[in-house]
Amino acid sequence: MPRSKKGKRGGNSSSKGSLRQEVLQLQLSKTALSRAVNQLIEALGRNGVRGESGVSDDDLASDIVSHCSSASESASVIEEGTGEVVDEQTAQEETEDKLKQCIDNLMDKSAKTRLAALESLRLGFSSRVLYEFLLERHFTICDCLERSLRKGGGEEQAAAATVCALLCMQLGGGVEGEEGFKMLRPILSSILIDSCASLSARQSCARALGMCCYVSASDDAEDLIKSLGHLESVFVGAYPLGDGTLPAVKAGTPALHSAALQSWALLCTLCPASRINTILNHHLPRLHACLESSEVNFRIAVGETIALLYELGRDIDQEFEYEDCDALCDSLKSLATDGNKHRAKNDRRKQRSIFREVLHYIENEDFTEEKIQFGIEAIYIDGWMRHRIYDAFKEVLESGVRHHLQFNPLLRDIFGLGPPLIMDASVKASRISRTERHLFNSAAFKARTKLRNKVRDKRADVM
């Protein structure tokens, strides 16, 4: 959101006037240059060198990345003589102008133009917090995204689903986010369960459905149940057959199963205790069997989901234990020490590391804490639920996750960080210790968990 200009008063009046004259001259020169460039572009367009648009789709996406990156820098340029911060506000306004053009391009007849516009929106939404900008445009954007999901090809559907997740993340858990999710959930679910749809589109829809439901419908039991059911209907395709053997699946399907399982696990963190008990009894034995899958990434997703379900079970009953725990631990030990040469070296290393963590948690409730640093703040990933929540946001936001942890009220609320910090020199000079930050984050996360448990109890009657 554009920030109001705050500058220092005073300074030499003559130098200020001289400076403003120079700035005015520069602006006039820039205007003249811009007109000349536009005339040249129009001339080239008439000669068939360029299309109707003066700027290519690739250039538009590149400009948005450039503006978002420069606006995210902590340092700003101060206009000499006035002390006004101009870079961040200017960059924000330029980014919003580019995004307006991208929103218009979502309605273009050309699939290539629509796809480029979706990619630009993805980059813009993941790099900046744009709540006020999107507030008055979210219906238009939702309508365009729904059209792309219904009528676009597989690549366009996949891109649109990702933008759906980012849009809900920008709008937060308020009325606007709920309205957007109500509008988009049916088509996301339809593509997800459509076996004829593109695998990449279904995978993207699985992630978007889980994220949008987690952010925008966490208190709506009906939407939660429907989303859980649709996601479950996809990954149960990897469950063992009646004779105990795992089904043969075509290439690309394990990635879809992993995405659906991970989104389902994210939504499980919202379920009431009664629902968790049913999930544990039904899914743990089948997930245990899936550890024998030949796909390393799916095995890892299964192992992390087992650990998360164990954590949810222990939240309800500290003495919780899976009935076939010894066999499960044997399977985990085998994967944690897997040295099969037919597996890729990197796959073996990654698998061993994760399954050692899962095994240690199930046997001893040990979890290796991970620190995520952003600015002068940090969060600590100290459990499997928190691990899944953070990874879900990271999968959607990619490199923008740290910026959103700093400035997005939704993420700061979820991770117990409080309102965004207002940074100045005195704040930077008085950093709190690592131990104090850790204690604060842990206390805030526990408080949020208690609050969510109260909401779970309310949803339990509906479920």
Protein backbone atom coordinates (compact mmCIF):
# COMPACT_ATOMS: atom_id res chain seq x y z
CA MET A 1 0.00 0.00 0.00
CA PRO A 2 1.35 3.42 -0.85
CA ARG A 3 2.84 5.14 2.10
CA SER A 4 2.19 8.80 2.84
CA LYS A 5 5.19 11.05 2.31
CA LYS A 6 6.89 12.11 5.52
CA GLY A 7 9.73 14.56 5.16
CA LYS A 8 11.87 16.90 7.20
CA ARG A 9 10.91 20.54 7.17
CA GLY A 10 13.45 23.37 6.85
CA GLY A 11 16.60 23.64 4.75
CA ASN A 12 17.89 26.40 2.49
CA SER A 13 14.96 27.83 0.50
CA SER A 14 17.08 28.94 -2.47
CA SER A 15 18.73 25.56 -2.83
CA LYS A 16 15.31 23.92 -2.56
CA GLY A 17 13.95 26.13 -5.35
CA SER A 18 16.97 25.44 -7.51
CA LEU A 19 16.61 21.72 -6.92
CA ARG A 20 12.93 21.78 -7.81
CA GLN A 21 13.70 23.61 -11.05
CA GLU A 22 16.20 20.89 -11.92
CA VAL A 23 13.68 18.18 -11.03
CA LEU A 24 11.03 19.91 -13.18
CA GLN A 25 13.45 20.06 -16.10
CA LEU A 26 14.25 16.38 -15.70
CA GLN A 27 10.54 15.52 -15.60
CA LEU A 28 9.90 17.56 -18.76
CA SER A 29 12.82 15.85 -20.48
CA LYS A 30 11.50 12.46 -19.35
CA THR A 31 8.01 13.32 -20.69
CA ALA A 32 9.40 14.38 -24.03
CA LEU A 33 11.51 11.23 -24.25
CA SER A 34 8.49 9.08 -23.32
CA ARG A 35 6.39 10.70 -26.06
CA ALA A 36 9.14 10.09 -28.60
CA VAL A 37 9.42 6.45 -27.59
CA ASN A 38 5.63 5.99 -27.81
CA GLN A 39 5.58 7.58 -31.27
CA LEU A 40 8.36 5.24 -32.36
CA ILE A 41 6.48 2.21 -30.96
CA GLU A 42 3.27 3.25 -32.76
CA ALA A 43 5.21 3.66 -35.99
CA LEU A 44 6.76 0.25 -35.59
CA GLY A 45 3.34 -1.24 -34.79
CA ARG A 46 1.91 0.25 -38.00
CA ASN A 47 4.78 -1.34 -39.91
CA GLY A 48 4.02 -4.76 -38.39
CA VAL A 49 7.14 -4.96 -36.24
CA ARG A 50 5.19 -5.02 -32.97
CA GLY A 51 1.65 -6.06 -32.07
CA GLU A 52 -1.11 -3.87 -30.70
CA SER A 53 0.54 -3.52 -27.33
CA GLY A 54 3.53 -1.21 -26.99
CA VAL A 55 5.08 -3.50 -24.38
CA SER A 56 5.53 -7.24 -24.76
CA ASP A 57 4.16 -9.67 -22.16
CA ASP A 58 7.68 -10.73 -21.22
CA ASP A 59 8.71 -7.10 -20.72
CA LEU A 60 5.67 -6.52 -18.52
CA ALA A 61 6.52 -9.49 -16.31
CA SER A 62 10.16 -8.40 -16.17
CA ASP A 63 9.14 -4.87 -15.15
CA ILE A 64 6.95 -6.17 -12.34
CA VAL A 65 9.78 -8.32 -10.98
CA SER A 66 12.11 -5.32 -11.18
CA HIS A 67 9.72 -2.97 -9.40
CA CYS A 68 8.81 -5.53 -6.73
CA SER A 69 12.45 -6.29 -6.06
CA SER A 70 13.48 -2.66 -5.80
CA ALA A 71 10.51 -1.80 -3.58
CA SER A 72 11.36 -4.64 -1.23
CA GLU A 73 14.81 -3.23 -0.48
CA SER A 74 15.09 -1.87 3.03
CA ALA A 75 16.98 1.26 1.96
CA SER A 76 15.12 4.15 0.32
CA VAL A 77 16.43 7.16 -1.57
CA ILE A 78 15.80 10.50 0.16
CA GLU A 79 15.07 13.43 -2.13
CA GLU A 80 17.73 16.04 -1.52
CA GLY A 81 16.51 19.23 0.16
CA THR A 82 13.10 17.83 1.20
CA GLY A 83 14.04 14.63 3.03
CA GLU A 84 11.07 12.82 1.45
CA VAL A 85 11.14 9.08 0.88
CA VAL A 86 10.22 8.63 -2.77
CA ASP A 87 11.55 5.28 -3.95
CA GLU A 88 9.22 2.93 -2.11
CA GLN A 89 6.05 4.89 -2.88
CA THR A 90 7.01 5.37 -6.51
CA ALA A 91 7.88 1.69 -6.91
CA GLN A 92 4.56 0.69 -5.30
CA GLU A 93 2.59 2.93 -7.65
CA GLU A 94 4.47 1.66 -10.70
CA THR A 95 3.92 -1.94 -9.61
CA GLU A 96 0.19 -1.31 -9.19
CA ASP A 97 0.00 0.29 -12.66
CA LYS A 98 1.65 -2.80 -14.15
CA LEU A 99 -0.70 -5.09 -12.23
CA LYS A 100 -3.75 -3.16 -13.50
CA GLN A 101 -2.56 -3.85 -17.03
CA CYS A 102 -2.10 -7.54 -16.17
CA ILE A 103 -5.65 -7.74 -14.78
CA ASP A 104 -6.95 -6.25 -18.05
CA ASN A 105 -4.87 -8.81 -19.98
CA LEU A 106 -6.60 -11.69 -18.15
CA MET A 107 -9.60 -10.98 -20.42
CA ASP A 108 -7.55 -11.02 -23.63
CA LYS A 109 -8.49 -13.45 -26.40
CA SER A 110 -4.89 -14.65 -26.73
CA ALA A 111 -4.02 -17.58 -24.44
CA LYS A 112 -0.37 -16.51 -24.53
CA THR A 113 -1.28 -13.02 -23.26
CA ARG A 114 -3.46 -14.44 -20.48
CA LEU A 115 -0.73 -16.83 -19.42
CA ALA A 116 1.85 -14.03 -19.30
CA ALA A 117 -0.57 -11.91 -17.25
CA LEU A 118 -1.08 -14.76 -14.75
CA GLU A 119 2.68 -15.18 -14.38
CA SER A 120 3.08 -11.43 -13.78
CA LEU A 121 0.33 -11.49 -11.14
CA ARG A 122 2.00 -14.45 -9.47
CA LEU A 123 5.27 -12.56 -9.25
CA GLY A 124 3.58 -9.38 -8.02
CA PHE A 125 1.38 -11.07 -5.41
CA SER A 126 4.25 -13.14 -4.01
CA SER A 127 6.63 -10.17 -3.77
CA ARG A 128 4.41 -7.49 -2.22
CA VAL A 129 1.54 -7.09 0.24
CA LEU A 130 -1.26 -5.54 -1.85
CA TYR A 131 -4.37 -5.77 0.35
CA GLU A 132 -5.72 -2.26 -0.33
CA PHE A 133 -5.01 -2.50 -4.05
CA LEU A 134 -6.86 -5.85 -4.30
CA LEU A 135 -9.75 -4.91 -2.02
CA GLU A 136 -11.66 -3.06 -4.74
CA ARG A 137 -10.64 -5.46 -7.52
CA HIS A 138 -10.99 -8.91 -5.98
CA PHE A 139 -14.36 -9.66 -7.63
CA THR A 140 -12.97 -8.82 -11.06
CA ILE A 141 -9.86 -10.92 -10.47
CA CYS A 142 -11.88 -13.87 -9.12
CA ASP A 143 -14.14 -13.73 -12.17
CA CYS A 144 -11.14 -13.74 -14.52
CA LEU A 145 -9.47 -16.60 -12.62
CA GLU A 146 -12.66 -18.64 -12.73
CA ARG A 147 -12.85 -18.11 -16.50
CA SER A 148 -9.23 -19.24 -16.94
CA LEU A 149 -9.88 -22.32 -14.81
CA ARG A 150 -13.02 -23.25 -16.78
CA LYS A 151 -11.90 -22.50 -20.31
CA GLY A 152 -8.08 -22.41 -20.30
CA GLY A 153 -5.67 -25.18 -21.21
CA GLY A 154 -3.72 -27.17 -18.64
CA GLU A 155 -0.89 -24.65 -18.32
CA GLU A 156 -3.29 -21.74 -17.90
CA GLN A 157 -5.34 -23.67 -15.33
CA ALA A 158 -2.23 -24.47 -13.30
CA ALA A 159 -1.12 -20.82 -13.32
CA ALA A 160 -4.61 -19.56 -12.43
CA ALA A 161 -4.87 -21.98 -9.48
CA THR A 162 -1.58 -20.68 -8.07
CA VAL A 163 -2.81 -17.08 -8.36
CA CYS A 164 -6.03 -18.15 -6.56
CA ALA A 165 -3.95 -19.28 -3.58
CA LEU A 166 -1.94 -16.05 -3.59
CA LEU A 167 -5.10 -13.94 -3.84
CA CYS A 168 -6.66 -15.62 -0.79
CA MET A 169 -3.35 -15.15 1.05
CA GLN A 170 -3.40 -11.43 0.19
CA LEU A 171 -7.03 -10.94 1.22
CA GLY A 172 -6.57 -12.88 4.48
CA GLY A 173 -9.28 -14.53 6.53
CA GLY A 174 -11.78 -11.67 6.24
CA VAL A 175 -15.05 -11.40 4.33
CA GLU A 176 -13.34 -10.71 1.01
CA GLY A 177 -11.20 -13.84 1.28
CA GLU A 178 -14.22 -15.96 2.18
CA GLU A 179 -16.20 -14.58 -0.77
CA GLY A 180 -13.31 -15.34 -3.10
CA PHE A 181 -12.98 -18.89 -1.82
CA LYS A 182 -16.74 -19.55 -2.09
CA MET A 183 -16.54 -18.44 -5.70
CA LEU A 184 -13.44 -20.46 -6.64
CA ARG A 185 -13.79 -23.64 -4.54
CA PRO A 186 -16.24 -25.45 -6.87
CA ILE A 187 -14.06 -25.11 -9.98
CA LEU A 188 -10.84 -25.90 -8.09
CA SER A 189 -12.46 -29.06 -6.71
CA SER A 190 -13.89 -29.99 -10.11
CA ILE A 191 -10.49 -29.86 -11.84
CA LEU A 192 -8.81 -31.66 -8.92
CA ILE A 193 -11.07 -34.73 -9.15
CA ASP A 194 -11.28 -34.76 -12.98
CA SER A 195 -9.13 -37.68 -14.12
CA CYS A 196 -9.10 -36.26 -17.68
CA ALA A 197 -7.65 -32.89 -16.64
CA SER A 198 -3.96 -32.03 -16.94
CA LEU A 199 -1.85 -33.51 -14.13
CA SER A 200 -0.06 -30.18 -13.60
CA ALA A 201 -3.42 -28.38 -13.34
CA ARG A 202 -4.76 -30.95 -10.86
CA GLN A 203 -1.59 -30.70 -8.76
CA SER A 204 -1.81 -26.90 -8.69
CA CYS A 205 -5.50 -27.07 -7.79
CA ALA A 206 -4.72 -29.46 -4.91
CA ARG A 207 -2.27 -26.97 -3.40
CA ALA A 208 -4.60 -24.02 -4.04
CA LEU A 209 -7.64 -25.77 -2.52
CA GLY A 210 -5.72 -26.63 0.64
CA MET A 211 -4.22 -23.15 1.05
CA CYS A 212 -7.42 -21.24 0.23
CA CYS A 213 -9.47 -23.37 2.62
CA TYR A 214 -6.87 -23.04 5.39
CA VAL A 215 -6.72 -19.24 5.02
CA SER A 216 -10.30 -18.30 4.12
CA ALA A 217 -12.57 -21.04 5.46
CA SER A 218 -10.86 -22.29 8.62
CA ASP A 219 -14.03 -21.60 10.64
CA ASP A 220 -16.46 -23.02 8.05
CA ALA A 221 -17.00 -26.69 8.84
CA GLU A 222 -18.92 -27.40 5.63
CA ASP A 223 -16.20 -26.08 3.32
CA LEU A 224 -13.54 -27.82 5.42
CA ILE A 225 -15.26 -31.20 5.17
CA LYS A 226 -15.82 -30.87 1.41
CA SER A 227 -12.22 -29.84 0.76
CA LEU A 228 -10.87 -32.70 2.91
CA GLY A 229 -13.08 -35.15 1.01
CA HIS A 230 -11.96 -33.98 -2.44
CA LEU A 231 -8.28 -34.09 -1.51
CA GLU A 232 -8.65 -37.50 0.11
CA SER A 233 -10.38 -38.90 -2.99
CA VAL A 234 -7.21 -38.15 -4.96
CA PHE A 235 -4.40 -39.53 -2.79
CA VAL A 236 -6.26 -42.70 -1.78
CA GLY A 237 -5.44 -43.78 -5.33
CA ALA A 238 -1.97 -44.60 -3.96
CA TYR A 239 -3.31 -46.73 -1.08
CA PRO A 240 -2.73 -50.52 -1.15
CA LEU A 241 -5.15 -52.77 -3.02
CA GLY A 242 -7.19 -55.54 -1.46
CA ASP A 243 -4.27 -58.00 -1.64
CA GLY A 244 -1.95 -55.54 0.13
CA THR A 245 0.10 -54.57 -2.94
CA LEU A 246 0.50 -50.96 -4.03
CA PRO A 247 -1.20 -49.98 -7.32
CA ALA A 248 0.78 -49.19 -10.45
CA VAL A 249 0.34 -45.53 -11.38
CA LYS A 250 1.27 -43.64 -14.53
CA ALA A 251 4.13 -41.14 -14.66
CA GLY A 252 3.41 -37.85 -12.93
CA THR A 253 0.65 -39.21 -10.70
CA PRO A 254 2.82 -39.56 -7.54
CA ALA A 255 3.44 -35.78 -7.63
CA LEU A 256 -0.34 -35.24 -7.69
CA HIS A 257 -0.79 -37.70 -4.81
CA SER A 258 1.91 -35.86 -2.82
CA ALA A 259 0.30 -32.44 -3.38
CA ALA A 260 -3.15 -33.71 -2.39
CA LEU A 261 -1.78 -35.50 0.70
CA GLN A 262 0.17 -32.45 1.89
CA SER A 263 -2.82 -30.12 1.45
CA TRP A 264 -5.01 -32.65 3.26
CA ALA A 265 -2.49 -32.78 6.12
CA LEU A 266 -2.54 -28.97 6.31
CA LEU A 267 -6.34 -29.00 6.71
CA CYS A 268 -6.12 -31.79 9.31
CA THR A 269 -4.53 -29.23 11.65
CA LEU A 270 -7.94 -27.47 11.71
CA CYS A 271 -10.01 -30.55 12.54
CA PRO A 272 -11.64 -31.16 15.95
CA ALA A 273 -10.55 -34.06 18.17
CA SER A 274 -13.45 -36.31 17.17
CA ARG A 275 -12.50 -36.02 13.52
CA ILE A 276 -8.80 -36.58 14.26
CA ASN A 277 -9.55 -39.89 16.00
CA THR A 278 -11.43 -41.12 12.91
CA ILE A 279 -8.59 -39.98 10.65
CA LEU A 280 -5.95 -41.74 12.76
CA ASN A 281 -7.83 -45.04 12.80
CA HIS A 282 -8.54 -45.04 9.08
CA HIS A 283 -5.41 -43.52 7.53
CA LEU A 284 -2.39 -44.48 9.66
CA PRO A 285 -2.37 -48.18 8.63
CA ARG A 286 -2.72 -47.27 4.94
CA LEU A 287 -0.09 -44.54 5.08
CA HIS A 288 2.22 -47.05 6.76
CA ALA A 289 1.82 -49.33 3.73
CA CYS A 290 2.58 -46.41 1.36
CA LEU A 291 6.10 -46.14 2.81
CA GLU A 292 6.93 -48.97 0.38
CA SER A 293 6.22 -46.69 -2.62
CA SER A 294 8.97 -46.54 -5.25
CA GLU A 295 8.64 -42.70 -5.54
CA VAL A 296 10.97 -40.95 -3.09
CA ASN A 297 9.05 -37.65 -2.90
CA PHE A 298 5.78 -39.44 -2.23
CA ARG A 299 7.45 -41.57 0.47
CA ILE A 300 8.75 -38.39 2.12
CA ALA A 301 5.29 -36.75 1.99
CA VAL A 302 3.83 -39.90 3.57
CA GLY A 303 6.48 -39.97 6.33
CA GLU A 304 5.92 -36.29 7.22
CA THR A 305 2.15 -36.81 7.25
CA ILE A 306 2.50 -39.79 9.60
CA ALA A 307 4.57 -37.63 11.97
CA LEU A 308 1.99 -34.81 11.79
CA LEU A 309 -0.87 -37.22 12.55
CA TYR A 310 1.14 -38.59 15.47
CA GLU A 311 1.54 -35.03 16.79
CA LEU A 312 -2.19 -34.38 16.44
CA GLY A 313 -2.90 -37.67 18.25
CA ARG A 314 -0.58 -36.74 21.10
CA ASP A 315 -2.22 -33.31 21.37
CA ILE A 316 -5.48 -35.12 22.12
CA ASP A 317 -3.97 -37.91 24.24
CA GLN A 318 -0.38 -37.73 25.50
CA GLU A 319 -0.29 -41.54 25.64
CA PHE A 320 -1.38 -41.97 22.02
CA GLU A 321 0.39 -44.78 20.15
CA TYR A 322 -0.30 -46.45 16.80
CA GLU A 323 -1.32 -50.07 17.33
CA ASP A 324 1.35 -51.38 14.94
CA CYS A 325 4.02 -48.97 16.15
CA ASP A 326 6.86 -51.53 16.20
CA ALA A 327 6.37 -52.42 12.53
CA LEU A 328 6.10 -48.73 11.65
CA CYS A 329 9.39 -47.97 13.43
CA ASP A 330 11.07 -50.86 11.60
CA SER A 331 9.92 -49.40 8.26
CA LEU A 332 11.18 -45.95 9.24
CA LYS A 333 14.56 -47.34 10.36
CA SER A 334 14.93 -49.11 7.04
CA LEU A 335 14.25 -45.88 5.12
CA ALA A 336 16.47 -43.84 7.47
CA THR A 337 19.42 -46.12 6.63
CA ASP A 338 18.53 -46.87 3.02
CA GLY A 339 21.68 -47.48 0.97
CA ASN A 340 20.17 -48.97 -2.19
CA LYS A 341 22.42 -48.07 -5.10
CA HIS A 342 19.52 -47.99 -7.57
CA ARG A 343 18.27 -44.80 -5.89
CA ALA A 344 19.90 -41.46 -6.74
CA LYS A 345 22.49 -40.30 -4.21
CA ASN A 346 20.68 -37.02 -3.46
CA ASP A 347 17.38 -38.86 -3.05
CA ARG A 348 18.96 -41.27 -0.55
CA ARG A 349 20.51 -38.43 1.45
CA LYS A 350 17.26 -36.44 1.58
CA GLN A 351 15.22 -39.49 2.48
CA ARG A 352 17.57 -40.61 5.26
CA SER A 353 17.59 -37.15 6.84
CA ILE A 354 13.80 -36.78 6.92
CA PHE A 355 13.02 -40.31 8.05
CA ARG A 356 15.55 -40.04 10.90
CA GLU A 357 13.57 -36.99 12.09
CA VAL A 358 10.25 -38.84 11.77
CA LEU A 359 11.63 -41.88 13.62
CA HIS A 360 13.06 -39.78 16.46
CA TYR A 361 9.75 -37.99 16.90
CA ILE A 362 7.67 -41.17 17.01
CA GLU A 363 10.08 -42.96 19.37
CA ASN A 364 11.13 -40.08 21.65
CA GLU A 365 9.02 -37.04 20.67
CA ASP A 366 12.23 -35.31 19.55
CA PHE A 367 12.09 -32.64 16.86
CA THR A 368 15.10 -30.75 15.52
CA GLU A 369 14.17 -27.09 15.73
CA GLU A 370 14.66 -24.94 12.63
CA LYS A 371 15.17 -21.17 12.71
CA ILE A 372 13.75 -19.00 9.91
CA GLN A 373 15.34 -15.54 9.94
CA PHE A 374 13.78 -12.50 8.24
CA GLY A 375 14.96 -8.97 8.95
CA ILE A 376 15.68 -8.72 12.67
CA GLU A 377 12.94 -11.26 13.46
CA ALA A 378 12.82 -15.04 13.36
CA ILE A 379 10.34 -17.87 13.78
CA TYR A 380 11.19 -21.31 15.08
CA ILE A 381 9.78 -24.44 13.47
CA ASP A 382 9.51 -26.72 16.49
CA GLY A 383 6.88 -29.29 15.50
CA TRP A 384 5.42 -31.15 12.54
CA MET A 385 2.23 -29.07 12.39
CA ARG A 386 4.22 -25.84 12.29
CA HIS A 387 6.55 -27.45 9.74
CA ARG A 388 3.63 -28.30 7.41
CA ILE A 389 2.07 -24.84 7.76
CA TYR A 390 5.34 -23.04 6.98
CA ASP A 391 6.13 -25.35 4.04
CA ALA A 392 2.64 -24.79 2.58
CA PHE A 393 3.16 -21.01 2.54
CA LYS A 394 6.69 -21.40 1.21
CA GLU A 395 5.50 -23.62 -1.67
CA VAL A 396 3.10 -20.87 -2.81
CA LEU A 397 5.14 -17.74 -2.02
CA GLU A 398 8.56 -19.20 -2.91
CA SER A 399 11.23 -16.50 -2.45
CA GLY A 400 8.61 -13.99 -1.23
CA VAL A 401 7.87 -15.89 1.98
CA ARG A 402 10.25 -13.81 4.11
CA HIS A 403 8.77 -10.53 2.85
CA HIS A 404 5.28 -11.75 3.74
CA LEU A 405 6.45 -12.91 7.16
CA GLN A 406 7.62 -9.35 7.75
CA PHE A 407 4.63 -7.46 6.40
CA ASN A 408 1.58 -9.70 5.78
CA PRO A 409 -0.78 -9.52 8.82
CA LEU A 410 -2.22 -12.95 8.00
CA LEU A 411 1.11 -14.79 8.19
CA ARG A 412 2.18 -12.78 11.22
CA ASP A 413 -1.05 -13.79 12.98
CA ILE A 414 -0.65 -17.47 12.06
CA PHE A 415 2.93 -17.59 13.34
CA GLY A 416 2.22 -15.43 16.41
CA LEU A 417 4.41 -12.49 15.38
CA GLY A 418 1.98 -9.67 16.15
CA PRO A 419 1.53 -6.55 13.96
CA PRO A 420 4.29 -5.70 11.42
CA LEU A 421 7.20 -3.90 13.03
CA ILE A 422 7.86 -0.23 12.30
CA MET A 423 11.61 -0.16 11.85
CA ASP A 424 13.85 2.74 12.75
CA ALA A 425 17.44 3.12 13.94
CA SER A 426 16.58 2.79 17.64
CA VAL A 427 14.68 -0.47 17.05
CA LYS A 428 17.54 -1.95 15.02
CA ALA A 429 20.00 -1.02 17.75
CA SER A 430 18.05 -2.78 20.50
CA ARG A 431 17.61 -6.32 19.22
CA ILE A 432 16.26 -8.83 21.70
CA SER A 433 18.19 -11.99 22.42
CA ARG A 434 17.63 -15.31 20.62
CA THR A 435 16.26 -16.90 23.81
CA GLU A 436 13.74 -14.09 24.32
CA ARG A 437 12.56 -14.35 20.71
CA HIS A 438 12.23 -18.11 21.00
CA LEU A 439 10.21 -17.89 24.22
CA PHE A 440 7.96 -15.22 22.74
CA ASN A 441 7.33 -17.18 19.53
CA SER A 442 6.63 -20.40 21.42
CA ALA A 443 4.20 -18.69 23.78
CA ALA A 444 2.42 -16.96 20.91
CA PHE A 445 2.10 -20.21 18.94
CA LYS A 446 0.74 -22.07 21.98
CA ALA A 447 -1.79 -19.30 22.56
CA ARG A 448 -2.89 -19.54 18.93
CA THR A 449 -3.18 -23.34 19.21
CA LYS A 450 -5.44 -22.98 22.26
CA LEU A 451 -7.61 -20.53 20.36
CA ARG A 452 -7.83 -22.88 17.39
CA ASN A 453 -8.77 -25.74 19.73
CA LYS A 454 -11.73 -23.70 20.92
CA VAL A 455 -12.81 -23.23 17.30
CA ARG A 456 -12.30 -26.96 16.71
CA ASP A 457 -14.68 -27.72 19.58
CA LYS A 458 -17.33 -25.51 17.95
CA ARG A 459 -16.84 -27.28 14.60
CA ALA A 460 -17.02 -30.71 16.25
CA ASP A 461 -20.80 -30.43 16.66
CA VAL A 462 -21.21 -29.77 12.93
CA MET A 463 -18.83 -32.54 11.87
